[in-house]
Amino acid sequence: MKKIGFSLLTVMALSNVSFAGGDIAPVIEPAIIVPMVDDSVSGFYAGLGASVASTREADTNFFDVEDGQDRTGDIALVAGYDINEYVAVEGRYQFSVAEENILDKKSWGIFVKPQYPVTEDFKVYGLLGFGGLDVSGTNHLGANIAADDTGFQWGLGASYEVYENISIFIDYLNIASGMPTTAFVTSNVEIDSDAFTVGAIYHF
């Protein structure tokens, strides 16, 4: 009889523990969210462009066909870093490879590049910076042309991503304005220089 009583007490005790355990909610571990990092590009980019450049007397424009202007075909080397979606810093070096008339030309510039993504692939940008221009040659009178100066440079452009990490661009760059020379095509004058460039950029 004592054994039966003890067994009943044991069953009741286990039943109470079981019911009590049923009121305890299961322990749920908090979810750990790992932020996704886009490491497909580093921010650095480099590119190559072909330019039509004009170096001319300050009272003429890019499209004038006069003795006071010389056009060159240039190669433009580009390197930069996207600080964020809207601002980059960029450096350029440009040199003439095809001379229409008399000039050999080199230029360089360092720019702040504000940019605005119109769509995921297409963006417009500006170039604001400081750079230099070096021109040399001989005019039709046999006088040496020599000019080397630095100053403010600016430009406007647009780019379009045609493939992953690869984009094409076209822009206008004002290289120099009112730069003094000892001699130019016609006389000792101030000169302007600018260029239209088409090229490609690779984003590392």
N, C-alpha and C. Protein backbone atom coordinates (compact mmCIF):
# COMPACT_ATOMS: atom_id res chain seq x y z
N MET A 1 0.84 -1.20 0.00
CA MET A 1 0.00 0.00 0.00
C MET A 1 0.86 1.24 0.00
N LYS A 2 1.94 1.21 0.81
CA LYS A 2 2.87 2.34 0.84
C LYS A 2 3.52 2.54 -0.52
N LYS A 3 3.84 1.43 -1.20
CA LYS A 3 4.48 1.54 -2.53
C LYS A 3 3.53 2.18 -3.51
N ILE A 4 2.21 1.80 -3.44
CA ILE A 4 1.23 2.38 -4.36
C ILE A 4 1.09 3.87 -4.10
N GLY A 5 1.02 4.26 -2.82
CA GLY A 5 0.91 5.68 -2.45
C GLY A 5 2.11 6.47 -2.93
N PHE A 6 3.30 5.92 -2.79
CA PHE A 6 4.53 6.61 -3.21
C PHE A 6 4.55 6.79 -4.72
N SER A 7 4.06 5.75 -5.43
CA SER A 7 4.02 5.82 -6.88
C SER A 7 3.05 6.90 -7.34
N LEU A 8 1.88 7.01 -6.67
CA LEU A 8 0.92 8.04 -7.04
C LEU A 8 1.48 9.43 -6.81
N LEU A 9 2.19 9.61 -5.69
CA LEU A 9 2.81 10.91 -5.40
C LEU A 9 3.85 11.27 -6.45
N THR A 10 4.60 10.27 -6.88
CA THR A 10 5.63 10.50 -7.89
C THR A 10 5.02 10.93 -9.21
N VAL A 11 3.94 10.24 -9.63
CA VAL A 11 3.25 10.59 -10.88
C VAL A 11 2.69 11.99 -10.81
N MET A 12 2.09 12.37 -9.67
CA MET A 12 1.50 13.70 -9.52
C MET A 12 2.58 14.78 -9.56
N ALA A 13 3.70 14.51 -8.92
CA ALA A 13 4.79 15.48 -8.91
C ALA A 13 5.32 15.71 -10.31
N LEU A 14 5.51 14.64 -11.07
CA LEU A 14 6.02 14.77 -12.44
C LEU A 14 5.02 15.49 -13.33
N SER A 15 3.71 15.23 -13.06
CA SER A 15 2.67 15.89 -13.83
C SER A 15 2.69 17.38 -13.60
N ASN A 16 2.87 17.81 -12.33
CA ASN A 16 2.94 19.24 -12.00
C ASN A 16 4.13 19.91 -12.67
N VAL A 17 5.26 19.23 -12.65
CA VAL A 17 6.45 19.79 -13.30
C VAL A 17 6.21 19.95 -14.79
N SER A 18 5.55 18.96 -15.40
CA SER A 18 5.29 18.98 -16.83
C SER A 18 4.37 20.14 -17.20
N PHE A 19 3.28 20.32 -16.40
CA PHE A 19 2.36 21.42 -16.67
C PHE A 19 3.03 22.77 -16.45
N ALA A 20 3.84 22.85 -15.43
CA ALA A 20 4.53 24.11 -15.14
C ALA A 20 5.46 24.46 -16.29
N GLY A 21 6.14 23.43 -16.81
CA GLY A 21 7.06 23.67 -17.92
C GLY A 21 6.34 24.13 -19.16
N GLY A 22 5.09 23.77 -19.31
CA GLY A 22 4.34 24.17 -20.50
C GLY A 22 4.08 25.66 -20.56
N ASP A 23 4.16 26.37 -19.39
CA ASP A 23 3.93 27.81 -19.38
C ASP A 23 5.17 28.59 -19.74
N ILE A 24 6.32 27.96 -19.88
CA ILE A 24 7.58 28.66 -20.16
C ILE A 24 7.77 28.77 -21.67
N ALA A 25 7.87 30.00 -22.15
CA ALA A 25 8.04 30.22 -23.59
C ALA A 25 9.42 29.78 -24.02
N PRO A 26 9.53 29.22 -25.21
CA PRO A 26 10.85 28.79 -25.69
C PRO A 26 11.78 30.00 -25.87
N VAL A 27 13.05 29.79 -25.63
CA VAL A 27 14.05 30.86 -25.74
C VAL A 27 14.40 31.04 -27.21
N ILE A 28 14.22 32.27 -27.72
CA ILE A 28 14.53 32.58 -29.11
C ILE A 28 15.74 33.49 -29.14
N GLU A 29 16.78 33.05 -29.80
CA GLU A 29 17.99 33.87 -29.90
C GLU A 29 17.77 35.02 -30.88
N PRO A 30 18.22 36.22 -30.55
CA PRO A 30 18.03 37.37 -31.45
C PRO A 30 18.78 37.16 -32.76
N ALA A 31 18.14 37.59 -33.84
CA ALA A 31 18.79 37.46 -35.15
C ALA A 31 19.93 38.46 -35.27
N ILE A 32 21.03 38.01 -35.81
CA ILE A 32 22.20 38.88 -36.03
C ILE A 32 22.20 39.31 -37.48
N ILE A 33 22.06 40.63 -37.69
CA ILE A 33 22.02 41.17 -39.04
C ILE A 33 23.40 41.67 -39.41
N VAL A 34 23.96 41.11 -40.44
CA VAL A 34 25.28 41.52 -40.92
C VAL A 34 25.09 42.49 -42.08
N PRO A 35 25.54 43.74 -41.93
CA PRO A 35 25.35 44.69 -43.03
C PRO A 35 26.09 44.26 -44.28
N MET A 36 25.43 44.44 -45.42
CA MET A 36 26.04 44.09 -46.70
C MET A 36 26.95 45.22 -47.15
N VAL A 37 28.15 44.92 -47.51
CA VAL A 37 29.12 45.91 -47.97
C VAL A 37 29.38 45.68 -49.45
N ASP A 38 29.20 46.76 -50.24
CA ASP A 38 29.45 46.66 -51.68
C ASP A 38 30.94 46.87 -51.93
N ASP A 39 31.65 45.77 -52.13
CA ASP A 39 33.08 45.86 -52.37
C ASP A 39 33.41 45.61 -53.83
N SER A 40 32.42 45.82 -54.72
CA SER A 40 32.66 45.58 -56.14
C SER A 40 33.59 46.62 -56.73
N VAL A 41 33.59 47.86 -56.18
CA VAL A 41 34.49 48.90 -56.64
C VAL A 41 35.17 49.54 -55.44
N SER A 42 36.40 50.01 -55.65
CA SER A 42 37.17 50.59 -54.55
C SER A 42 37.03 52.09 -54.46
N GLY A 43 36.52 52.73 -55.50
CA GLY A 43 36.46 54.18 -55.57
C GLY A 43 37.49 54.76 -56.52
N PHE A 44 38.58 54.05 -56.73
CA PHE A 44 39.62 54.52 -57.66
C PHE A 44 39.20 54.22 -59.10
N TYR A 45 39.58 55.13 -59.99
CA TYR A 45 39.32 54.91 -61.41
C TYR A 45 40.43 55.52 -62.26
N ALA A 46 40.55 55.05 -63.48
CA ALA A 46 41.54 55.57 -64.42
C ALA A 46 40.97 55.44 -65.82
N GLY A 47 41.44 56.31 -66.72
CA GLY A 47 40.90 56.27 -68.06
C GLY A 47 41.80 56.91 -69.09
N LEU A 48 41.33 56.85 -70.33
CA LEU A 48 42.07 57.35 -71.47
C LEU A 48 41.09 58.02 -72.41
N GLY A 49 41.50 59.18 -72.96
CA GLY A 49 40.61 59.89 -73.86
C GLY A 49 41.34 60.46 -75.06
N ALA A 50 40.57 60.81 -76.08
CA ALA A 50 41.09 61.49 -77.27
C ALA A 50 40.43 62.87 -77.31
N SER A 51 41.26 63.90 -77.51
CA SER A 51 40.76 65.27 -77.44
C SER A 51 41.01 66.03 -78.73
N VAL A 52 40.09 66.93 -79.04
CA VAL A 52 40.32 67.97 -80.04
C VAL A 52 40.52 69.25 -79.24
N ALA A 53 41.73 69.82 -79.30
CA ALA A 53 42.07 70.98 -78.49
C ALA A 53 42.30 72.20 -79.38
N SER A 54 41.98 73.36 -78.84
CA SER A 54 42.20 74.61 -79.54
C SER A 54 43.02 75.53 -78.65
N THR A 55 44.10 76.07 -79.20
CA THR A 55 44.89 77.09 -78.52
C THR A 55 44.94 78.28 -79.48
N ARG A 56 44.49 79.45 -79.02
CA ARG A 56 44.21 80.54 -79.94
C ARG A 56 44.34 81.89 -79.25
N GLU A 57 44.38 82.93 -80.08
CA GLU A 57 44.37 84.28 -79.56
C GLU A 57 43.05 84.52 -78.83
N ALA A 58 43.11 85.28 -77.74
CA ALA A 58 41.99 85.40 -76.83
C ALA A 58 40.75 86.03 -77.45
N ASP A 59 40.88 86.73 -78.56
CA ASP A 59 39.70 87.36 -79.17
C ASP A 59 39.04 86.47 -80.23
N THR A 60 39.43 85.20 -80.31
CA THR A 60 38.78 84.26 -81.22
C THR A 60 38.11 83.15 -80.40
N ASN A 61 37.28 82.34 -81.08
CA ASN A 61 36.62 81.24 -80.36
C ASN A 61 37.03 79.89 -80.94
N PHE A 62 36.56 78.84 -80.32
CA PHE A 62 36.97 77.48 -80.66
C PHE A 62 36.73 77.15 -82.13
N PHE A 63 35.67 77.69 -82.71
CA PHE A 63 35.25 77.29 -84.05
C PHE A 63 35.74 78.23 -85.14
N ASP A 64 36.46 79.29 -84.76
CA ASP A 64 37.02 80.19 -85.78
C ASP A 64 38.10 79.48 -86.58
N VAL A 65 38.16 79.77 -87.87
CA VAL A 65 39.23 79.26 -88.72
C VAL A 65 40.06 80.48 -89.15
N GLU A 66 41.06 80.80 -88.35
CA GLU A 66 41.86 81.98 -88.60
C GLU A 66 43.33 81.67 -88.33
N ASP A 67 44.19 82.62 -88.73
CA ASP A 67 45.62 82.45 -88.47
C ASP A 67 45.93 82.46 -86.98
N GLY A 68 45.05 83.08 -86.20
CA GLY A 68 45.31 83.19 -84.76
C GLY A 68 44.88 81.99 -83.95
N GLN A 69 44.72 80.84 -84.58
CA GLN A 69 44.29 79.65 -83.86
C GLN A 69 45.07 78.42 -84.33
N ASP A 70 45.37 77.54 -83.39
CA ASP A 70 45.99 76.27 -83.76
C ASP A 70 45.25 75.15 -83.05
N ARG A 71 44.85 74.13 -83.81
CA ARG A 71 44.16 72.98 -83.24
C ARG A 71 45.11 71.80 -83.20
N THR A 72 45.00 71.01 -82.13
CA THR A 72 45.82 69.81 -81.99
C THR A 72 44.95 68.63 -81.60
N GLY A 73 45.39 67.45 -81.99
CA GLY A 73 44.78 66.21 -81.52
C GLY A 73 45.57 65.73 -80.32
N ASP A 74 44.89 65.56 -79.18
CA ASP A 74 45.57 65.25 -77.92
C ASP A 74 45.15 63.89 -77.37
N ILE A 75 46.01 63.35 -76.53
CA ILE A 75 45.69 62.20 -75.69
C ILE A 75 45.52 62.71 -74.26
N ALA A 76 44.45 62.28 -73.61
CA ALA A 76 44.17 62.68 -72.23
C ALA A 76 44.25 61.47 -71.31
N LEU A 77 45.08 61.56 -70.27
CA LEU A 77 45.18 60.53 -69.25
C LEU A 77 44.42 61.01 -68.02
N VAL A 78 43.56 60.14 -67.48
CA VAL A 78 42.67 60.51 -66.38
C VAL A 78 42.83 59.53 -65.23
N ALA A 79 42.88 60.05 -64.01
CA ALA A 79 42.89 59.20 -62.81
C ALA A 79 42.16 59.94 -61.69
N GLY A 80 41.38 59.19 -60.89
CA GLY A 80 40.63 59.86 -59.84
C GLY A 80 40.14 58.91 -58.77
N TYR A 81 39.40 59.50 -57.83
CA TYR A 81 38.84 58.73 -56.71
C TYR A 81 37.46 59.29 -56.37
N ASP A 82 36.45 58.40 -56.35
CA ASP A 82 35.10 58.78 -55.95
C ASP A 82 35.02 58.80 -54.42
N ILE A 83 34.97 59.99 -53.84
CA ILE A 83 34.83 60.11 -52.39
C ILE A 83 33.48 59.57 -51.95
N ASN A 84 32.44 59.91 -52.70
CA ASN A 84 31.11 59.34 -52.52
C ASN A 84 30.36 59.47 -53.84
N GLU A 85 29.07 59.27 -53.80
CA GLU A 85 28.27 59.26 -55.02
C GLU A 85 28.27 60.62 -55.72
N TYR A 86 28.51 61.69 -54.94
CA TYR A 86 28.33 63.04 -55.47
C TYR A 86 29.62 63.84 -55.64
N VAL A 87 30.72 63.37 -55.11
CA VAL A 87 31.97 64.14 -55.19
C VAL A 87 33.14 63.20 -55.48
N ALA A 88 34.00 63.63 -56.40
CA ALA A 88 35.24 62.90 -56.69
C ALA A 88 36.38 63.91 -56.78
N VAL A 89 37.60 63.41 -56.72
CA VAL A 89 38.78 64.21 -57.03
C VAL A 89 39.45 63.56 -58.24
N GLU A 90 39.97 64.40 -59.14
CA GLU A 90 40.48 63.86 -60.40
C GLU A 90 41.70 64.63 -60.88
N GLY A 91 42.63 63.90 -61.48
CA GLY A 91 43.80 64.51 -62.10
C GLY A 91 43.84 64.16 -63.57
N ARG A 92 44.33 65.12 -64.39
CA ARG A 92 44.43 64.89 -65.83
C ARG A 92 45.77 65.39 -66.36
N TYR A 93 46.27 64.65 -67.35
CA TYR A 93 47.45 65.08 -68.08
C TYR A 93 47.14 64.90 -69.56
N GLN A 94 47.39 65.94 -70.34
CA GLN A 94 47.00 65.94 -71.75
C GLN A 94 48.18 66.41 -72.59
N PHE A 95 48.42 65.74 -73.71
CA PHE A 95 49.54 66.12 -74.58
C PHE A 95 49.15 65.93 -76.04
N SER A 96 49.72 66.75 -76.90
CA SER A 96 49.37 66.72 -78.32
C SER A 96 50.12 65.61 -79.03
N VAL A 97 49.42 64.92 -79.93
CA VAL A 97 50.02 63.87 -80.76
C VAL A 97 49.84 64.17 -82.25
N ALA A 98 48.90 65.06 -82.57
CA ALA A 98 48.67 65.46 -83.95
C ALA A 98 48.63 66.98 -83.99
N GLU A 99 49.46 67.60 -84.78
CA GLU A 99 49.57 69.05 -84.83
C GLU A 99 49.05 69.55 -86.17
N GLU A 100 48.02 70.40 -86.10
CA GLU A 100 47.45 70.92 -87.34
C GLU A 100 48.39 71.93 -87.98
N ASN A 101 48.97 72.80 -87.15
CA ASN A 101 49.82 73.84 -87.71
C ASN A 101 51.20 73.88 -87.06
N ILE A 102 51.28 74.48 -85.88
CA ILE A 102 52.61 74.82 -85.37
C ILE A 102 52.90 74.38 -83.94
N LEU A 103 51.89 74.07 -83.16
CA LEU A 103 52.09 73.96 -81.72
C LEU A 103 52.37 72.54 -81.24
N ASP A 104 53.22 72.47 -80.23
CA ASP A 104 53.37 71.29 -79.39
C ASP A 104 52.83 71.70 -78.03
N LYS A 105 51.91 70.92 -77.47
CA LYS A 105 51.14 71.37 -76.31
C LYS A 105 51.05 70.30 -75.24
N LYS A 106 51.20 70.72 -73.99
CA LYS A 106 51.00 69.83 -72.83
C LYS A 106 50.20 70.60 -71.78
N SER A 107 49.34 69.89 -71.07
CA SER A 107 48.58 70.52 -69.99
C SER A 107 48.32 69.51 -68.88
N TRP A 108 48.06 70.03 -67.68
CA TRP A 108 47.73 69.19 -66.54
C TRP A 108 46.74 69.93 -65.66
N GLY A 109 46.00 69.17 -64.83
CA GLY A 109 45.06 69.79 -63.92
C GLY A 109 44.66 68.84 -62.80
N ILE A 110 44.34 69.42 -61.65
CA ILE A 110 43.83 68.68 -60.49
C ILE A 110 42.48 69.29 -60.14
N PHE A 111 41.44 68.44 -60.03
CA PHE A 111 40.08 68.95 -59.95
C PHE A 111 39.29 68.35 -58.79
N VAL A 112 38.38 69.16 -58.26
CA VAL A 112 37.24 68.66 -57.50
C VAL A 112 36.14 68.41 -58.53
N LYS A 113 35.50 67.26 -58.42
CA LYS A 113 34.54 66.84 -59.45
C LYS A 113 33.16 66.61 -58.83
N PRO A 114 32.33 67.64 -58.73
CA PRO A 114 30.94 67.40 -58.30
C PRO A 114 30.20 66.64 -59.39
N GLN A 115 29.42 65.63 -58.98
CA GLN A 115 28.74 64.78 -59.96
C GLN A 115 27.34 64.43 -59.46
N TYR A 116 26.43 64.26 -60.41
CA TYR A 116 25.06 63.94 -60.05
C TYR A 116 24.56 62.76 -60.88
N PRO A 117 24.15 61.65 -60.21
CA PRO A 117 23.63 60.49 -60.94
C PRO A 117 22.19 60.73 -61.38
N VAL A 118 22.00 61.00 -62.66
CA VAL A 118 20.65 61.21 -63.19
C VAL A 118 19.88 59.90 -63.17
N THR A 119 20.54 58.81 -63.58
CA THR A 119 20.01 57.46 -63.46
C THR A 119 21.10 56.58 -62.86
N GLU A 120 20.83 55.30 -62.74
CA GLU A 120 21.82 54.38 -62.19
C GLU A 120 23.08 54.34 -63.05
N ASP A 121 22.93 54.53 -64.36
CA ASP A 121 24.07 54.41 -65.28
C ASP A 121 24.59 55.75 -65.81
N PHE A 122 23.74 56.78 -65.81
CA PHE A 122 24.09 58.05 -66.44
C PHE A 122 24.27 59.14 -65.40
N LYS A 123 25.37 59.90 -65.50
CA LYS A 123 25.58 61.02 -64.59
C LYS A 123 26.21 62.19 -65.31
N VAL A 124 25.97 63.37 -64.77
CA VAL A 124 26.59 64.60 -65.26
C VAL A 124 27.55 65.11 -64.20
N TYR A 125 28.55 65.87 -64.61
CA TYR A 125 29.55 66.32 -63.65
C TYR A 125 30.18 67.64 -64.06
N GLY A 126 30.83 68.25 -63.11
CA GLY A 126 31.62 69.45 -63.35
C GLY A 126 33.06 69.19 -62.94
N LEU A 127 33.96 70.04 -63.40
CA LEU A 127 35.37 69.98 -63.04
C LEU A 127 35.80 71.38 -62.60
N LEU A 128 36.31 71.51 -61.38
CA LEU A 128 36.75 72.79 -60.85
C LEU A 128 38.13 72.58 -60.24
N GLY A 129 39.15 73.27 -60.79
CA GLY A 129 40.48 73.00 -60.25
C GLY A 129 41.55 73.96 -60.70
N PHE A 130 42.76 73.49 -60.59
CA PHE A 130 43.95 74.29 -60.87
C PHE A 130 44.87 73.47 -61.75
N GLY A 131 45.48 74.13 -62.75
CA GLY A 131 46.37 73.39 -63.63
C GLY A 131 47.28 74.30 -64.42
N GLY A 132 48.01 73.70 -65.34
CA GLY A 132 48.97 74.44 -66.13
C GLY A 132 48.94 74.08 -67.59
N LEU A 133 49.48 74.97 -68.42
CA LEU A 133 49.56 74.78 -69.86
C LEU A 133 50.96 75.16 -70.33
N ASP A 134 51.55 74.32 -71.18
CA ASP A 134 52.88 74.57 -71.75
C ASP A 134 52.78 74.39 -73.25
N VAL A 135 53.02 75.46 -74.01
CA VAL A 135 52.98 75.38 -75.47
C VAL A 135 54.31 75.85 -76.04
N SER A 136 54.70 75.26 -77.15
CA SER A 136 55.93 75.66 -77.83
C SER A 136 55.78 75.42 -79.32
N GLY A 137 56.59 76.08 -80.11
CA GLY A 137 56.53 75.92 -81.55
C GLY A 137 57.20 77.08 -82.25
N THR A 138 56.99 77.18 -83.55
CA THR A 138 57.54 78.26 -84.37
C THR A 138 56.44 78.77 -85.28
N ASN A 139 56.19 80.08 -85.28
CA ASN A 139 55.12 80.60 -86.13
C ASN A 139 55.59 80.80 -87.57
N HIS A 140 54.69 81.28 -88.41
CA HIS A 140 54.99 81.37 -89.84
C HIS A 140 56.06 82.42 -90.16
N LEU A 141 56.39 83.27 -89.20
CA LEU A 141 57.45 84.25 -89.40
C LEU A 141 58.79 83.75 -88.87
N GLY A 142 58.80 82.54 -88.33
CA GLY A 142 60.02 81.97 -87.79
C GLY A 142 60.29 82.32 -86.35
N ALA A 143 59.35 83.01 -85.70
CA ALA A 143 59.53 83.38 -84.28
C ALA A 143 59.15 82.21 -83.39
N ASN A 144 59.92 82.02 -82.32
CA ASN A 144 59.64 80.95 -81.38
C ASN A 144 58.43 81.28 -80.52
N ILE A 145 57.57 80.29 -80.36
CA ILE A 145 56.42 80.41 -79.46
C ILE A 145 56.77 79.67 -78.17
N ALA A 146 56.63 80.36 -77.05
CA ALA A 146 56.91 79.74 -75.76
C ALA A 146 56.00 80.34 -74.71
N ALA A 147 55.18 79.49 -74.10
CA ALA A 147 54.27 79.95 -73.05
C ALA A 147 54.09 78.83 -72.03
N ASP A 148 54.18 79.20 -70.78
CA ASP A 148 54.06 78.23 -69.69
C ASP A 148 53.46 78.95 -68.50
N ASP A 149 52.22 78.61 -68.15
CA ASP A 149 51.55 79.32 -67.07
C ASP A 149 50.58 78.39 -66.36
N THR A 150 50.14 78.79 -65.18
CA THR A 150 49.18 78.02 -64.40
C THR A 150 48.00 78.91 -64.03
N GLY A 151 46.88 78.28 -63.70
CA GLY A 151 45.72 79.04 -63.30
C GLY A 151 44.50 78.17 -63.10
N PHE A 152 43.35 78.82 -62.95
CA PHE A 152 42.08 78.14 -62.72
C PHE A 152 41.64 77.42 -63.99
N GLN A 153 41.11 76.20 -63.84
CA GLN A 153 40.54 75.44 -64.94
C GLN A 153 39.15 74.94 -64.55
N TRP A 154 38.28 74.79 -65.54
CA TRP A 154 36.94 74.29 -65.26
C TRP A 154 36.42 73.50 -66.45
N GLY A 155 35.41 72.66 -66.19
CA GLY A 155 34.84 71.88 -67.26
C GLY A 155 33.47 71.33 -66.92
N LEU A 156 32.80 70.78 -67.93
CA LEU A 156 31.49 70.15 -67.79
C LEU A 156 31.47 68.87 -68.62
N GLY A 157 30.77 67.85 -68.12
CA GLY A 157 30.74 66.61 -68.87
C GLY A 157 29.63 65.67 -68.43
N ALA A 158 29.62 64.51 -69.08
CA ALA A 158 28.64 63.47 -68.76
C ALA A 158 29.28 62.11 -69.02
N SER A 159 28.83 61.11 -68.27
CA SER A 159 29.35 59.75 -68.45
C SER A 159 28.21 58.75 -68.39
N TYR A 160 28.45 57.60 -69.02
CA TYR A 160 27.44 56.53 -69.06
C TYR A 160 28.13 55.19 -68.88
N GLU A 161 27.63 54.40 -67.92
CA GLU A 161 28.20 53.07 -67.67
C GLU A 161 27.68 52.10 -68.72
N VAL A 162 28.58 51.61 -69.57
CA VAL A 162 28.17 50.71 -70.65
C VAL A 162 28.34 49.25 -70.27
N TYR A 163 29.15 48.99 -69.25
CA TYR A 163 29.38 47.63 -68.78
C TYR A 163 29.83 47.73 -67.34
N GLU A 164 29.77 46.63 -66.61
CA GLU A 164 30.15 46.66 -65.20
C GLU A 164 31.56 47.23 -65.01
N ASN A 165 31.65 48.35 -64.27
CA ASN A 165 32.90 49.04 -63.95
C ASN A 165 33.51 49.80 -65.12
N ILE A 166 32.85 49.83 -66.27
CA ILE A 166 33.39 50.55 -67.43
C ILE A 166 32.37 51.58 -67.89
N SER A 167 32.81 52.83 -68.03
CA SER A 167 31.93 53.89 -68.51
C SER A 167 32.64 54.70 -69.58
N ILE A 168 31.84 55.33 -70.43
CA ILE A 168 32.37 56.25 -71.43
C ILE A 168 32.00 57.67 -71.01
N PHE A 169 32.80 58.65 -71.43
CA PHE A 169 32.53 60.03 -71.04
C PHE A 169 32.80 60.97 -72.20
N ILE A 170 32.17 62.13 -72.14
CA ILE A 170 32.46 63.23 -73.05
C ILE A 170 32.41 64.51 -72.23
N ASP A 171 33.40 65.37 -72.43
CA ASP A 171 33.39 66.61 -71.65
C ASP A 171 34.13 67.74 -72.36
N TYR A 172 33.89 68.92 -71.85
CA TYR A 172 34.56 70.14 -72.29
C TYR A 172 35.42 70.64 -71.13
N LEU A 173 36.67 71.04 -71.43
CA LEU A 173 37.57 71.53 -70.41
C LEU A 173 38.20 72.84 -70.86
N ASN A 174 38.02 73.89 -70.05
CA ASN A 174 38.69 75.16 -70.28
C ASN A 174 40.06 75.10 -69.59
N ILE A 175 41.12 75.06 -70.39
CA ILE A 175 42.47 74.82 -69.87
C ILE A 175 43.15 76.12 -69.45
N ALA A 176 42.98 77.18 -70.25
CA ALA A 176 43.64 78.46 -69.94
C ALA A 176 42.84 79.60 -70.54
N SER A 177 42.86 80.74 -69.86
CA SER A 177 42.19 81.95 -70.36
C SER A 177 43.12 83.14 -70.13
N GLY A 178 43.35 83.90 -71.20
CA GLY A 178 44.17 85.10 -71.08
C GLY A 178 45.61 84.84 -70.70
N MET A 179 46.19 83.78 -71.22
CA MET A 179 47.57 83.40 -70.89
C MET A 179 48.55 84.20 -71.75
N PRO A 180 49.51 84.91 -71.14
CA PRO A 180 50.44 85.72 -71.93
C PRO A 180 51.47 84.87 -72.67
N THR A 181 51.87 85.33 -73.86
CA THR A 181 52.91 84.67 -74.65
C THR A 181 53.93 85.70 -75.14
N THR A 182 55.12 85.24 -75.42
CA THR A 182 56.14 86.12 -76.01
C THR A 182 55.91 86.27 -77.51
N ALA A 183 55.37 85.24 -78.14
CA ALA A 183 55.01 85.28 -79.56
C ALA A 183 54.00 84.17 -79.80
N PHE A 184 53.08 84.45 -80.73
CA PHE A 184 52.12 83.41 -81.09
C PHE A 184 52.02 83.37 -82.60
N VAL A 185 50.88 82.92 -83.14
CA VAL A 185 50.76 82.75 -84.58
C VAL A 185 50.94 84.09 -85.29
N THR A 186 50.33 85.15 -84.76
CA THR A 186 50.41 86.45 -85.44
C THR A 186 51.26 87.47 -84.68
N SER A 187 51.19 87.49 -83.37
CA SER A 187 51.92 88.50 -82.61
C SER A 187 51.99 88.11 -81.14
N ASN A 188 52.57 88.99 -80.34
CA ASN A 188 52.59 88.78 -78.89
C ASN A 188 51.20 89.08 -78.34
N VAL A 189 50.47 88.04 -77.96
CA VAL A 189 49.08 88.20 -77.52
C VAL A 189 48.82 87.29 -76.33
N GLU A 190 47.67 87.50 -75.73
CA GLU A 190 47.17 86.55 -74.74
C GLU A 190 46.42 85.44 -75.47
N ILE A 191 46.51 84.22 -74.92
CA ILE A 191 45.87 83.08 -75.60
C ILE A 191 44.91 82.37 -74.66
N ASP A 192 43.95 81.71 -75.27
CA ASP A 192 43.02 80.80 -74.58
C ASP A 192 43.27 79.39 -75.09
N SER A 193 42.92 78.40 -74.26
CA SER A 193 43.04 77.01 -74.69
C SER A 193 41.93 76.19 -74.04
N ASP A 194 41.30 75.34 -74.85
CA ASP A 194 40.28 74.44 -74.31
C ASP A 194 40.22 73.19 -75.17
N ALA A 195 39.44 72.20 -74.70
CA ALA A 195 39.42 70.90 -75.38
C ALA A 195 38.10 70.19 -75.17
N PHE A 196 37.67 69.46 -76.20
CA PHE A 196 36.57 68.51 -76.10
C PHE A 196 37.19 67.10 -76.11
N THR A 197 36.77 66.28 -75.13
CA THR A 197 37.38 64.96 -74.97
C THR A 197 36.32 63.87 -74.91
N VAL A 198 36.59 62.77 -75.60
CA VAL A 198 35.77 61.55 -75.52
C VAL A 198 36.69 60.42 -75.07
N GLY A 199 36.23 59.63 -74.09
CA GLY A 199 37.10 58.57 -73.59
C GLY A 199 36.36 57.51 -72.81
N ALA A 200 37.12 56.65 -72.17
CA ALA A 200 36.57 55.55 -71.37
C ALA A 200 37.25 55.51 -70.02
N ILE A 201 36.50 55.10 -69.01
CA ILE A 201 36.96 55.03 -67.62
C ILE A 201 36.75 53.62 -67.09
N TYR A 202 37.74 53.11 -66.35
CA TYR A 202 37.56 51.85 -65.65
C TYR A 202 37.59 52.10 -64.15
N HIS A 203 36.58 51.59 -63.44
CA HIS A 203 36.47 51.74 -61.98
C HIS A 203 36.98 50.47 -61.31
N PHE A 204 38.04 50.62 -60.53
CA PHE A 204 38.68 49.47 -59.89
C PHE A 204 37.85 48.96 -58.70
